[in-house]
């Protein structure tokens, strides 16, 4: 959890007085990345969403926010791409206990529901199945409403908002809030999966339906997907028939271009050319090579290297695009190691720094 306001206040005072040492060891109970900022003083605020009710394979992503918080204290604050990056001010809200409890309760109901589906039952003809589905969808809408409310509050304070899931269903509320602030924007979507299924398994807010739901938001002009390598025919047809509102850079095609001698810089520039001025970055860690996130919910062979993904976001900023928000999802810590959380924490830090750079934020100190 985030440390107490009294302790945080002392750290903030130290930073203002020039006593905070970004090269020192982060304290055990310090805030994210050991930084001396509260959500009130920071220019960038992360919303943690411990939620995985609709996951369809491996569980564990609900522990992502707490695992990333813990791992973040081992991340060096020096960033070669962004001078004095820590001074932009980054903080994380407290992990909501109410969502943790609701997630645990509803996850059990979802498991029962999925078991009924595997037994051949369907909501149309089975009352238990139907009631479970209704209850699950209602709880997911409650989660989305909570995220929307928190995001609206932060955006009203002119904060740059990021989100840490949880499964990939969690950022819909943030996207909806951004649509109230920006008339149009695009999404740069890193993922192994297209996430364009219509109510996968009956779950309206499934992790596999996040981009299908996002496309219902009129302000989202363009969805550009990178690293996609696991999708169904229905999703493929949706992309093909979207009149280029959705552009998918399939992993096999990216690799073929690289094998044929095309540079990642040129491929990145082609990807970026499809995006409008304002860009939201949505990052499912299974878009990376599974060696970087072996415990994620639905790992798929292939994917991007860590620096390859960050390079694309860096090029986005170099092209003058503005990152209006971002999310990192599907980090599932292993039982006996912190590797996934370690990678996730570094990804969050690099994305936050590049987002601040794109917004022209001035250091606080």
Foldseek 3Di string as FASTA:
>chain_A
DADDPVVLVVLLVCVVVVNDDLQDQQDQRHFFLSASADLVPAQEEEEEQLAAQQFDFFDFQSCLVVLLRRLSSVDRQDDPLFPPLSLNGYGYDDHDPVNVVVRVVLSVLSVVLVVCVVVVDDLVPDVSNVVNLVVSLVSLVVLLVVLLVVLLVSVVVNHQYEYEDDAQLRCLSNLLNVVVVAQAWEEEEQAQAPLCDCCVVVRNSHSSPNVVVSVVRPRHQAYEYEQHNDYDPVSVVCCVPVVRSYHYDHQVNVVVCVVVPHDLVVVLVVSLVSTDQEYEYEYEPLQAACVQQVNFSDHDHGHHHLVSVLVSLLVNLVVLHAYRYYYYGRRGADPPDSRSSNSSSVSVSSNSSSNCVSVVRDRPD
